[in-house]
Amino acid sequence: MNAVTRPVHPGKTLAAEMKSRGMDFAQTLEKTRLPEDRLKNFLNGKAMLDASDLKKIVDVFGSSVQFWVNMQRTYMRHGGA
């Protein structure tokens, strides 16, 4: 039996990365300099971020803006809200 895996909202991926680095919301907010409501909504799976916001995430956590854009596109393509 093949299980179909739905893509995870990229905010959940960021939350897992924060946890693995021992970073809480306040620390992430300070380091990324994102608006509080924007980061909160992203982490809660209620919003996506634009390229300039994603650049701030990349500056703190590494990877690339394209990585996050692709994750957002995949999530949206497979029925993400």
Protein backbone atom coordinates (compact mmCIF):
# COMPACT_ATOMS: atom_id res chain seq x y z
CA MET A 1 0.00 0.00 0.00
CA ASN A 2 1.42 3.36 -1.04
CA ALA A 3 0.75 6.21 1.32
CA VAL A 4 0.37 9.64 -0.25
CA THR A 5 2.24 12.28 1.69
CA ARG A 6 0.91 15.80 1.56
CA PRO A 7 3.47 18.58 1.54
CA VAL A 8 4.07 20.32 4.84
CA HIS A 9 3.57 24.06 5.12
CA PRO A 10 7.02 25.70 4.99
CA GLY A 11 6.31 27.45 8.27
CA LYS A 12 6.21 24.05 9.96
CA THR A 13 9.60 23.30 8.43
CA LEU A 14 10.96 26.55 9.83
CA ALA A 15 9.47 25.78 13.25
CA ALA A 16 11.26 22.40 13.24
CA GLU A 17 14.52 24.09 12.26
CA MET A 18 14.11 26.64 15.04
CA LYS A 19 13.56 23.83 17.53
CA SER A 20 16.60 21.90 16.32
CA ARG A 21 18.72 25.02 16.88
CA GLY A 22 17.21 25.77 20.27
CA MET A 23 15.70 29.04 19.04
CA ASP A 24 12.39 30.33 20.33
CA PHE A 25 9.96 32.72 18.66
CA ALA A 26 11.48 35.84 20.25
CA GLN A 27 15.00 34.93 19.18
CA THR A 28 13.86 34.19 15.63
CA LEU A 29 11.92 37.44 15.53
CA GLU A 30 14.97 39.39 16.66
CA LYS A 31 17.39 37.71 14.26
CA THR A 32 15.15 37.81 11.17
CA ARG A 33 13.65 41.25 11.87
CA LEU A 34 10.36 40.08 10.40
CA PRO A 35 7.14 41.69 11.64
CA GLU A 36 5.78 39.68 14.57
CA ASP A 37 2.40 38.92 13.00
CA ARG A 38 3.98 37.84 9.72
CA LEU A 39 6.35 35.37 11.38
CA LYS A 40 3.61 34.06 13.67
CA ASN A 41 1.21 33.48 10.77
CA PHE A 42 3.94 31.76 8.74
CA LEU A 43 4.91 29.45 11.59
CA ASN A 44 1.25 28.61 12.21
CA GLY A 45 0.72 27.69 8.56
CA LYS A 46 -1.65 30.59 7.92
CA ALA A 47 0.49 32.64 5.51
CA MET A 48 3.32 32.50 3.03
CA LEU A 49 6.27 34.86 2.86
CA ASP A 50 7.49 36.92 -0.08
CA ALA A 51 11.04 36.78 -1.43
CA SER A 52 12.31 39.66 0.72
CA ASP A 53 11.01 37.98 3.89
CA LEU A 54 12.43 34.65 2.79
CA LYS A 55 15.82 36.31 2.32
CA LYS A 56 15.72 37.26 6.01
CA ILE A 57 15.01 33.62 6.89
CA VAL A 58 17.90 32.47 4.67
CA ASP A 59 20.26 34.99 6.26
CA VAL A 60 19.63 33.40 9.66
CA PHE A 61 19.04 29.74 8.84
CA GLY A 62 20.94 29.20 5.60
CA SER A 63 19.66 27.40 2.49
CA SER A 64 18.36 29.61 -0.33
CA VAL A 65 15.38 31.76 -1.17
CA GLN A 66 14.65 29.39 -4.05
CA PHE A 67 14.45 26.45 -1.62
CA TRP A 68 11.71 28.20 0.36
CA VAL A 69 9.90 29.46 -2.75
CA ASN A 70 9.85 25.91 -4.13
CA MET A 71 8.52 24.57 -0.83
CA GLN A 72 5.75 27.19 -0.84
CA ARG A 73 4.86 26.43 -4.47
CA THR A 74 4.74 22.70 -3.81
CA TYR A 75 2.52 23.21 -0.79
CA MET A 76 0.14 25.45 -2.73
CA ARG A 77 0.10 23.15 -5.76
CA HIS A 78 -1.04 20.25 -3.59
CA GLY A 79 -3.98 21.97 -2.01
CA GLY A 80 -2.39 24.19 0.60
CA ALA A 81 -4.47 27.14 1.61
